[in-house]
Amino acid sequence: MSKVHLPVDTPGHLLALQVTPANEEDRGQVAELAAAVRAETGATVTLAYVDAGYTGAAAQTAAAAEGIALAVIKLPDVKRGFVRLPRRWVAERDFA
């Protein structure tokens, strides 16, 4: 099994791609992904929206080393029915 990490820009255009074994943690990939995004965009990206798999101090530090702040998008604690999350599913459109 494998896992695909793909940072995209606001409209959903692919910036980088990394495939890892499924048993590796998402947050462990932040340094490489942030470096790839910085190289591709010329260091113009300063904020990245990520899901809860990329939480933690190590992920924040790795992204900050490349000049990128991480904004974690989580589900609300109390959820009833469909809840629209900002910027959450942009990357998933690439899989569709």
PDB file of N, CA and C in Angstrom:
ATOM      1  N   MET A   1       0.843  -1.178   0.000  1.00  0.00           N
ATOM      2  CA  MET A   1       0.000   0.000   0.000  1.00  0.00           C
ATOM      3  C   MET A   1       0.888   1.242   0.000  1.00  0.00           C
ATOM      4  N   SER A   2       0.379   2.296  -0.589  1.00  0.00           N
ATOM      5  CA  SER A   2       1.132   3.541  -0.642  1.00  0.00           C
ATOM      6  C   SER A   2       0.202   4.712  -0.354  1.00  0.00           C
ATOM      7  N   LYS A   3       0.806   5.840  -0.069  1.00  0.00           N
ATOM      8  CA  LYS A   3       0.075   7.056   0.243  1.00  0.00           C
ATOM      9  C   LYS A   3       0.635   8.169  -0.639  1.00  0.00           C
ATOM     10  N   VAL A   4      -0.237   9.005  -1.188  1.00  0.00           N
ATOM     11  CA  VAL A   4       0.181  10.088  -2.067  1.00  0.00           C
ATOM     12  C   VAL A   4      -0.001  11.418  -1.339  1.00  0.00           C
ATOM     13  N   HIS A   5       1.043  12.220  -1.333  1.00  0.00           N
ATOM     14  CA  HIS A   5       0.998  13.564  -0.761  1.00  0.00           C
ATOM     15  C   HIS A   5       1.138  14.530  -1.931  1.00  0.00           C
ATOM     16  N   LEU A   6       0.155  15.410  -2.124  1.00  0.00           N
ATOM     17  CA  LEU A   6       0.270  16.334  -3.233  1.00  0.00           C
ATOM     18  C   LEU A   6      -0.202  17.727  -2.852  1.00  0.00           C
ATOM     19  N   PRO A   7       0.738  18.626  -2.629  1.00  0.00           N
ATOM     20  CA  PRO A   7       0.363  20.016  -2.404  1.00  0.00           C
ATOM     21  C   PRO A   7      -0.086  20.643  -3.717  1.00  0.00           C
ATOM     22  N   VAL A   8      -1.173  21.416  -3.642  1.00  0.00           N
ATOM     23  CA  VAL A   8      -1.712  22.101  -4.815  1.00  0.00           C
ATOM     24  C   VAL A   8      -1.883  23.580  -4.491  1.00  0.00           C
ATOM     25  N   ASP A   9      -1.993  24.403  -5.536  1.00  0.00           N
ATOM     26  CA  ASP A   9      -2.253  25.821  -5.310  1.00  0.00           C
ATOM     27  C   ASP A   9      -3.755  26.040  -5.158  1.00  0.00           C
ATOM     28  N   THR A  10      -4.172  27.279  -5.032  1.00  0.00           N
ATOM     29  CA  THR A  10      -5.573  27.594  -4.766  1.00  0.00           C
ATOM     30  C   THR A  10      -6.541  27.014  -5.790  1.00  0.00           C
ATOM     31  N   PRO A  11      -6.266  27.104  -7.100  1.00  0.00           N
ATOM     32  CA  PRO A  11      -7.183  26.488  -8.065  1.00  0.00           C
ATOM     33  C   PRO A  11      -7.060  24.963  -8.164  1.00  0.00           C
ATOM     34  N   GLY A  12      -6.052  24.382  -7.516  1.00  0.00           N
ATOM     35  CA  GLY A  12      -5.901  22.937  -7.533  1.00  0.00           C
ATOM     36  C   GLY A  12      -4.816  22.421  -8.455  1.00  0.00           C
ATOM     37  N   HIS A  13      -3.947  23.297  -8.950  1.00  0.00           N
ATOM     38  CA  HIS A  13      -2.844  22.859  -9.808  1.00  0.00           C
ATOM     39  C   HIS A  13      -1.744  22.213  -8.960  1.00  0.00           C
ATOM     40  N   LEU A  14      -1.236  21.106  -9.424  1.00  0.00           N
ATOM     41  CA  LEU A  14      -0.226  20.336  -8.705  1.00  0.00           C
ATOM     42  C   LEU A  14       1.085  21.107  -8.589  1.00  0.00           C
ATOM     43  N   LEU A  15       1.622  21.189  -7.361  1.00  0.00           N
ATOM     44  CA  LEU A  15       2.906  21.848  -7.115  1.00  0.00           C
ATOM     45  C   LEU A  15       4.023  20.848  -6.877  1.00  0.00           C
ATOM     46  N   ALA A  16       3.699  19.728  -6.266  1.00  0.00           N
ATOM     47  CA  ALA A  16       4.694  18.692  -5.972  1.00  0.00           C
ATOM     48  C   ALA A  16       3.948  17.382  -5.793  1.00  0.00           C
ATOM     49  N   LEU A  17       4.694  16.294  -5.776  1.00  0.00           N
ATOM     50  CA  LEU A  17       4.100  14.974  -5.597  1.00  0.00           C
ATOM     51  C   LEU A  17       5.100  14.095  -4.863  1.00  0.00           C
ATOM     52  N   GLN A  18       4.602  13.407  -3.859  1.00  0.00           N
ATOM     53  CA  GLN A  18       5.455  12.487  -3.104  1.00  0.00           C
ATOM     54  C   GLN A  18       4.637  11.243  -2.765  1.00  0.00           C
ATOM     55  N   VAL A  19       5.196  10.085  -3.035  1.00  0.00           N
ATOM     56  CA  VAL A  19       4.544   8.810  -2.723  1.00  0.00           C
ATOM     57  C   VAL A  19       5.369   8.127  -1.645  1.00  0.00           C
ATOM     58  N   THR A  20       4.690   7.707  -0.573  1.00  0.00           N
ATOM     59  CA  THR A  20       5.360   7.049   0.541  1.00  0.00           C
ATOM     60  C   THR A  20       4.618   5.754   0.882  1.00  0.00           C
ATOM     61  N   PRO A  21       5.274   4.861   1.622  1.00  0.00           N
ATOM     62  CA  PRO A  21       4.542   3.691   2.126  1.00  0.00           C
ATOM     63  C   PRO A  21       3.398   4.144   3.036  1.00  0.00           C
ATOM     64  N   ALA A  22       2.324   3.415   3.042  1.00  0.00           N
ATOM     65  CA  ALA A  22       1.141   3.806   3.797  1.00  0.00           C
ATOM     66  C   ALA A  22       1.378   3.841   5.301  1.00  0.00           C
ATOM     67  N   ASN A  23       2.392   3.149   5.792  1.00  0.00           N
ATOM     68  CA  ASN A  23       2.615   3.115   7.235  1.00  0.00           C
ATOM     69  C   ASN A  23       3.444   4.295   7.742  1.00  0.00           C
ATOM     70  N   GLU A  24       3.884   5.192   6.875  1.00  0.00           N
ATOM     71  CA  GLU A  24       4.630   6.369   7.316  1.00  0.00           C
ATOM     72  C   GLU A  24       3.664   7.497   7.670  1.00  0.00           C
ATOM     73  N   GLU A  25       4.034   8.291   8.687  1.00  0.00           N
ATOM     74  CA  GLU A  25       3.176   9.385   9.138  1.00  0.00           C
ATOM     75  C   GLU A  25       3.182  10.540   8.146  1.00  0.00           C
ATOM     76  N   ASP A  26       2.037  11.189   8.016  1.00  0.00           N
ATOM     77  CA  ASP A  26       1.923  12.355   7.144  1.00  0.00           C
ATOM     78  C   ASP A  26       2.854  13.471   7.602  1.00  0.00           C
ATOM     79  N   ARG A  27       2.875  13.721   8.916  1.00  0.00           N
ATOM     80  CA  ARG A  27       3.662  14.849   9.433  1.00  0.00           C
ATOM     81  C   ARG A  27       5.153  14.671   9.196  1.00  0.00           C
ATOM     82  N   GLY A  28       5.603  13.467   8.969  1.00  0.00           N
ATOM     83  CA  GLY A  28       7.004  13.221   8.681  1.00  0.00           C
ATOM     84  C   GLY A  28       7.414  13.638   7.277  1.00  0.00           C
ATOM     85  N   GLN A  29       6.462  13.949   6.425  1.00  0.00           N
ATOM     86  CA  GLN A  29       6.733  14.323   5.041  1.00  0.00           C
ATOM     87  C   GLN A  29       6.759  15.833   4.824  1.00  0.00           C
ATOM     88  N   VAL A  30       6.443  16.605   5.863  1.00  0.00           N
ATOM     89  CA  VAL A  30       6.280  18.046   5.720  1.00  0.00           C
ATOM     90  C   VAL A  30       7.556  18.730   5.238  1.00  0.00           C
ATOM     91  N   ALA A  31       8.705  18.354   5.746  1.00  0.00           N
ATOM     92  CA  ALA A  31       9.954  19.021   5.360  1.00  0.00           C
ATOM     93  C   ALA A  31      10.203  18.900   3.860  1.00  0.00           C
ATOM     94  N   GLU A  32      10.084  17.687   3.329  1.00  0.00           N
ATOM     95  CA  GLU A  32      10.303  17.488   1.894  1.00  0.00           C
ATOM     96  C   GLU A  32       9.255  18.189   1.053  1.00  0.00           C
ATOM     97  N   LEU A  33       7.998  18.109   1.478  1.00  0.00           N
ATOM     98  CA  LEU A  33       6.925  18.757   0.723  1.00  0.00           C
ATOM     99  C   LEU A  33       7.083  20.270   0.728  1.00  0.00           C
ATOM    100  N   ALA A  34       7.394  20.843   1.883  1.00  0.00           N
ATOM    101  CA  ALA A  34       7.559  22.296   1.972  1.00  0.00           C
ATOM    102  C   ALA A  34       8.734  22.760   1.116  1.00  0.00           C
ATOM    103  N   ALA A  35       9.827  21.996   1.117  1.00  0.00           N
ATOM    104  CA  ALA A  35      10.985  22.348   0.285  1.00  0.00           C
ATOM    105  C   ALA A  35      10.631  22.278  -1.196  1.00  0.00           C
ATOM    106  N   ALA A  36       9.861  21.264  -1.590  1.00  0.00           N
ATOM    107  CA  ALA A  36       9.452  21.125  -2.988  1.00  0.00           C
ATOM    108  C   ALA A  36       8.530  22.259  -3.413  1.00  0.00           C
ATOM    109  N   VAL A  37       7.609  22.646  -2.535  1.00  0.00           N
ATOM    110  CA  VAL A  37       6.701  23.757  -2.837  1.00  0.00           C
ATOM    111  C   VAL A  37       7.484  25.056  -2.957  1.00  0.00           C
ATOM    112  N   ARG A  38       8.409  25.256  -2.048  1.00  0.00           N
ATOM    113  CA  ARG A  38       9.212  26.480  -2.091  1.00  0.00           C
ATOM    114  C   ARG A  38      10.036  26.548  -3.384  1.00  0.00           C
ATOM    115  N   ALA A  39      10.631  25.437  -3.785  1.00  0.00           N
ATOM    116  CA  ALA A  39      11.420  25.403  -5.016  1.00  0.00           C
ATOM    117  C   ALA A  39      10.549  25.654  -6.252  1.00  0.00           C
ATOM    118  N   GLU A  40       9.360  25.086  -6.252  1.00  0.00           N
ATOM    119  CA  GLU A  40       8.462  25.218  -7.406  1.00  0.00           C
ATOM    120  C   GLU A  40       7.882  26.622  -7.538  1.00  0.00           C
ATOM    121  N   THR A  41       7.586  27.253  -6.413  1.00  0.00           N
ATOM    122  CA  THR A  41       6.896  28.546  -6.443  1.00  0.00           C
ATOM    123  C   THR A  41       7.822  29.727  -6.233  1.00  0.00           C
ATOM    124  N   GLY A  42       9.099  29.474  -6.012  1.00  0.00           N
ATOM    125  CA  GLY A  42      10.019  30.580  -5.777  1.00  0.00           C
ATOM    126  C   GLY A  42       9.799  31.252  -4.434  1.00  0.00           C
ATOM    127  N   ALA A  43       9.420  30.492  -3.450  1.00  0.00           N
ATOM    128  CA  ALA A  43       9.208  30.976  -2.075  1.00  0.00           C
ATOM    129  C   ALA A  43       8.072  31.976  -1.963  1.00  0.00           C
ATOM    130  N   THR A  44       7.072  31.900  -2.835  1.00  0.00           N
ATOM    131  CA  THR A  44       5.931  32.819  -2.737  1.00  0.00           C
ATOM    132  C   THR A  44       4.822  32.282  -1.835  1.00  0.00           C
ATOM    133  N   VAL A  45       4.850  30.990  -1.519  1.00  0.00           N
ATOM    134  CA  VAL A  45       3.826  30.405  -0.649  1.00  0.00           C
ATOM    135  C   VAL A  45       4.209  30.670   0.806  1.00  0.00           C
ATOM    136  N   THR A  46       3.293  31.274   1.553  1.00  0.00           N
ATOM    137  CA  THR A  46       3.543  31.553   2.966  1.00  0.00           C
ATOM    138  C   THR A  46       2.554  30.844   3.884  1.00  0.00           C
ATOM    139  N   LEU A  47       1.466  30.309   3.333  1.00  0.00           N
ATOM    140  CA  LEU A  47       0.443  29.638   4.128  1.00  0.00           C
ATOM    141  C   LEU A  47      -0.017  28.388   3.397  1.00  0.00           C
ATOM    142  N   ALA A  48      -0.098  27.278   4.127  1.00  0.00           N
ATOM    143  CA  ALA A  48      -0.589  26.026   3.553  1.00  0.00           C
ATOM    144  C   ALA A  48      -1.725  25.509   4.421  1.00  0.00           C
ATOM    145  N   TYR A  49      -2.848  25.197   3.795  1.00  0.00           N
ATOM    146  CA  TYR A  49      -3.970  24.576   4.496  1.00  0.00           C
ATOM    147  C   TYR A  49      -3.753  23.066   4.460  1.00  0.00           C
ATOM    148  N   VAL A  50      -3.789  22.430   5.621  1.00  0.00           N
ATOM    149  CA  VAL A  50      -3.534  20.996   5.727  1.00  0.00           C
ATOM    150  C   VAL A  50      -4.625  20.330   6.558  1.00  0.00           C
ATOM    151  N   ASP A  51      -4.744  19.000   6.420  1.00  0.00           N
ATOM    152  CA  ASP A  51      -5.711  18.300   7.260  1.00  0.00           C
ATOM    153  C   ASP A  51      -5.032  17.870   8.564  1.00  0.00           C
ATOM    154  N   ALA A  52      -5.776  17.201   9.412  1.00  0.00           N
ATOM    155  CA  ALA A  52      -5.303  16.875  10.757  1.00  0.00           C
ATOM    156  C   ALA A  52      -4.113  15.916  10.771  1.00  0.00           C
ATOM    157  N   GLY A  53      -3.817  15.259   9.668  1.00  0.00           N
ATOM    158  CA  GLY A  53      -2.675  14.370   9.605  1.00  0.00           C
ATOM    159  C   GLY A  53      -1.341  15.095   9.675  1.00  0.00           C
ATOM    160  N   TYR A  54      -1.362  16.391   9.436  1.00  0.00           N
ATOM    161  CA  TYR A  54      -0.130  17.182   9.413  1.00  0.00           C
ATOM    162  C   TYR A  54      -0.008  18.089  10.638  1.00  0.00           C
ATOM    163  N   THR A  55      -0.584  17.699  11.758  1.00  0.00           N
ATOM    164  CA  THR A  55      -0.509  18.499  12.976  1.00  0.00           C
ATOM    165  C   THR A  55       0.772  18.202  13.744  1.00  0.00           C
ATOM    166  N   GLY A  56       1.050  19.031  14.728  1.00  0.00           N
ATOM    167  CA  GLY A  56       2.185  18.782  15.612  1.00  0.00           C
ATOM    168  C   GLY A  56       3.278  19.816  15.460  1.00  0.00           C
ATOM    169  N   ALA A  57       4.081  19.925  16.509  1.00  0.00           N
ATOM    170  CA  ALA A  57       5.160  20.908  16.540  1.00  0.00           C
ATOM    171  C   ALA A  57       6.231  20.614  15.498  1.00  0.00           C
ATOM    172  N   ALA A  58       6.535  19.341  15.267  1.00  0.00           N
ATOM    173  CA  ALA A  58       7.567  18.990  14.291  1.00  0.00           C
ATOM    174  C   ALA A  58       7.151  19.415  12.883  1.00  0.00           C
ATOM    175  N   ALA A  59       5.889  19.210  12.541  1.00  0.00           N
ATOM    176  CA  ALA A  59       5.395  19.618  11.224  1.00  0.00           C
ATOM    177  C   ALA A  59       5.416  21.135  11.084  1.00  0.00           C
ATOM    178  N   GLN A  60       4.978  21.837  12.131  1.00  0.00           N
ATOM    179  CA  GLN A  60       4.991  23.304  12.100  1.00  0.00           C
ATOM    180  C   GLN A  60       6.412  23.824  11.930  1.00  0.00           C
ATOM    181  N   THR A  61       7.363  23.241  12.649  1.00  0.00           N
ATOM    182  CA  THR A  61       8.762  23.666  12.577  1.00  0.00           C
ATOM    183  C   THR A  61       9.362  23.385  11.205  1.00  0.00           C
ATOM    184  N   ALA A  62       9.069  22.216  10.647  1.00  0.00           N
ATOM    185  CA  ALA A  62       9.592  21.855   9.329  1.00  0.00           C
ATOM    186  C   ALA A  62       9.072  22.801   8.253  1.00  0.00           C
ATOM    187  N   ALA A  63       7.799  23.149   8.317  1.00  0.00           N
ATOM    188  CA  ALA A  63       7.226  24.074   7.342  1.00  0.00           C
ATOM    189  C   ALA A  63       7.774  25.486   7.553  1.00  0.00           C
ATOM    190  N   ALA A  64       7.906  25.903   8.815  1.00  0.00           N
ATOM    191  CA  ALA A  64       8.414  27.244   9.121  1.00  0.00           C
ATOM    192  C   ALA A  64       9.848  27.417   8.628  1.00  0.00           C
ATOM    193  N   ALA A  65      10.634  26.346   8.601  1.00  0.00           N
ATOM    194  CA  ALA A  65      12.000  26.417   8.095  1.00  0.00           C
ATOM    195  C   ALA A  65      12.028  26.799   6.618  1.00  0.00           C
ATOM    196  N   GLU A  66      10.944  26.522   5.910  1.00  0.00           N
ATOM    197  CA  GLU A  66      10.822  26.894   4.496  1.00  0.00           C
ATOM    198  C   GLU A  66       9.988  28.160   4.311  1.00  0.00           C
ATOM    199  N   GLY A  67       9.618  28.812   5.428  1.00  0.00           N
ATOM    200  CA  GLY A  67       8.850  30.048   5.356  1.00  0.00           C
ATOM    201  C   GLY A  67       7.359  29.848   5.142  1.00  0.00           C
ATOM    202  N   ILE A  68       6.865  28.671   5.489  1.00  0.00           N
ATOM    203  CA  ILE A  68       5.448  28.349   5.284  1.00  0.00           C
ATOM    204  C   ILE A  68       4.787  28.087   6.629  1.00  0.00           C
ATOM    205  N   ALA A  69       3.663  28.735   6.878  1.00  0.00           N
ATOM    206  CA  ALA A  69       2.858  28.481   8.075  1.00  0.00           C
ATOM    207  C   ALA A  69       1.780  27.461   7.715  1.00  0.00           C
ATOM    208  N   LEU A  70       1.503  26.540   8.624  1.00  0.00           N
ATOM    209  CA  LEU A  70       0.465  25.536   8.396  1.00  0.00           C
ATOM    210  C   LEU A  70      -0.814  25.928   9.111  1.00  0.00           C
ATOM    211  N   ALA A  71      -1.926  25.899   8.407  1.00  0.00           N
ATOM    212  CA  ALA A  71      -3.250  26.125   8.990  1.00  0.00           C
ATOM    213  C   ALA A  71      -3.999  24.795   8.912  1.00  0.00           C
ATOM    214  N   VAL A  72      -4.210  24.177  10.066  1.00  0.00           N
ATOM    215  CA  VAL A  72      -4.857  22.866  10.121  1.00  0.00           C
ATOM    216  C   VAL A  72      -6.373  23.048  10.077  1.00  0.00           C
ATOM    217  N   ILE A  73      -7.017  22.380   9.125  1.00  0.00           N
ATOM    218  CA  ILE A  73      -8.472  22.426   8.969  1.00  0.00           C
ATOM    219  C   ILE A  73      -9.034  21.156   9.588  1.00  0.00           C
ATOM    220  N   LYS A  74      -9.795  21.315  10.666  1.00  0.00           N
ATOM    221  CA  LYS A  74     -10.360  20.171  11.383  1.00  0.00           C
ATOM    222  C   LYS A  74     -11.880  20.226  11.374  1.00  0.00           C
ATOM    223  N   LEU A  75     -12.487  19.068  11.590  1.00  0.00           N
ATOM    224  CA  LEU A  75     -13.934  19.020  11.769  1.00  0.00           C
ATOM    225  C   LEU A  75     -14.287  19.663  13.099  1.00  0.00           C
ATOM    226  N   PRO A  76     -15.427  20.346  13.179  1.00  0.00           N
ATOM    227  CA  PRO A  76     -15.837  20.898  14.470  1.00  0.00           C
ATOM    228  C   PRO A  76     -16.114  19.783  15.474  1.00  0.00           C
ATOM    229  N   ASP A  77     -15.963  20.100  16.758  1.00  0.00           N
ATOM    230  CA  ASP A  77     -16.187  19.097  17.803  1.00  0.00           C
ATOM    231  C   ASP A  77     -17.619  18.570  17.778  1.00  0.00           C
ATOM    232  N   VAL A  78     -18.581  19.443  17.567  1.00  0.00           N
ATOM    233  CA  VAL A  78     -19.987  19.041  17.494  1.00  0.00           C
ATOM    234  C   VAL A  78     -20.422  19.190  16.046  1.00  0.00           C
ATOM    235  N   LYS A  79     -20.764  18.086  15.436  1.00  0.00           N
ATOM    236  CA  LYS A  79     -21.111  18.095  14.021  1.00  0.00           C
ATOM    237  C   LYS A  79     -22.494  17.508  13.829  1.00  0.00           C
ATOM    238  N   ARG A  80     -23.318  18.203  13.075  1.00  0.00           N
ATOM    239  CA  ARG A  80     -24.649  17.708  12.723  1.00  0.00           C
ATOM    240  C   ARG A  80     -24.789  17.785  11.218  1.00  0.00           C
ATOM    241  N   GLY A  81     -24.907  16.647  10.575  1.00  0.00           N
ATOM    242  CA  GLY A  81     -25.085  16.621   9.126  1.00  0.00           C
ATOM    243  C   GLY A  81     -23.840  17.074   8.394  1.00  0.00           C
ATOM    244  N   PHE A  82     -24.057  17.666   7.227  1.00  0.00           N
ATOM    245  CA  PHE A  82     -22.955  18.115   6.388  1.00  0.00           C
ATOM    246  C   PHE A  82     -22.374  19.411   6.932  1.00  0.00           C
ATOM    247  N   VAL A  83     -21.053  19.457   7.041  1.00  0.00           N
ATOM    248  CA  VAL A  83     -20.361  20.665   7.486  1.00  0.00           C
ATOM    249  C   VAL A  83     -19.338  21.029   6.422  1.00  0.00           C
ATOM    250  N   ARG A  84     -19.478  22.221   5.858  1.00  0.00           N
ATOM    251  CA  ARG A  84     -18.538  22.680   4.837  1.00  0.00           C
ATOM    252  C   ARG A  84     -17.274  23.187   5.521  1.00  0.00           C
ATOM    253  N   LEU A  85     -16.143  22.648   5.123  1.00  0.00           N
ATOM    254  CA  LEU A  85     -14.862  23.061   5.687  1.00  0.00           C
ATOM    255  C   LEU A  85     -14.112  23.901   4.662  1.00  0.00           C
ATOM    256  N   PRO A  86     -13.576  25.046   5.066  1.00  0.00           N
ATOM    257  CA  PRO A  86     -12.882  25.908   4.109  1.00  0.00           C
ATOM    258  C   PRO A  86     -11.603  25.263   3.592  1.00  0.00           C
ATOM    259  N   ARG A  87     -11.400  25.304   2.270  1.00  0.00           N
ATOM    260  CA  ARG A  87     -10.164  24.869   1.614  1.00  0.00           C
ATOM    261  C   ARG A  87      -9.825  23.401   1.822  1.00  0.00           C
ATOM    262  N   ARG A  88     -10.748  22.592   2.271  1.00  0.00           N
ATOM    263  CA  ARG A  88     -10.420  21.233   2.668  1.00  0.00           C
ATOM    264  C   ARG A  88     -10.202  20.279   1.494  1.00  0.00           C
ATOM    265  N   TRP A  89     -11.029  20.344   0.473  1.00  0.00           N
ATOM    266  CA  TRP A  89     -11.028  19.280  -0.537  1.00  0.00           C
ATOM    267  C   TRP A  89     -10.434  19.690  -1.860  1.00  0.00           C
ATOM    268  N   VAL A  90      -9.622  20.713  -1.902  1.00  0.00           N
ATOM    269  CA  VAL A  90      -9.017  21.144  -3.165  1.00  0.00           C
ATOM    270  C   VAL A  90      -8.136  20.043  -3.742  1.00  0.00           C
ATOM    271  N   ALA A  91      -7.302  19.419  -2.929  1.00  0.00           N
ATOM    272  CA  ALA A  91      -6.407  18.367  -3.416  1.00  0.00           C
ATOM    273  C   ALA A  91      -7.176  17.127  -3.881  1.00  0.00           C
ATOM    274  N   GLU A  92      -8.279  16.809  -3.234  1.00  0.00           N
ATOM    275  CA  GLU A  92      -9.027  15.614  -3.591  1.00  0.00           C
ATOM    276  C   GLU A  92      -9.632  15.714  -4.990  1.00  0.00           C
ATOM    277  N   ARG A  93      -9.829  16.933  -5.494  1.00  0.00           N
ATOM    278  CA  ARG A  93     -10.343  17.075  -6.859  1.00  0.00           C
ATOM    279  C   ARG A  93      -9.352  16.496  -7.864  1.00  0.00           C
ATOM    280  N   ASP A  94      -8.051  16.542  -7.544  1.00  0.00           N
ATOM    281  CA  ASP A  94      -7.056  15.982  -8.447  1.00  0.00           C
ATOM    282  C   ASP A  94      -7.168  14.464  -8.545  1.00  0.00           C
ATOM    283  N   PHE A  95      -7.650  13.816  -7.507  1.00  0.00           N
ATOM    284  CA  PHE A  95      -7.816  12.371  -7.519  1.00  0.00           C
ATOM    285  C   PHE A  95      -9.042  11.945  -8.314  1.00  0.00           C
ATOM    286  N   ALA A  96     -10.013  12.851  -8.459  1.00  0.00           N
ATOM    287  CA  ALA A  96     -11.292  12.521  -9.087  1.00  0.00           C
ATOM    288  C   ALA A  96     -11.191  12.244 -10.567  1.00  0.00           C
TER     289      ALA A  96
END
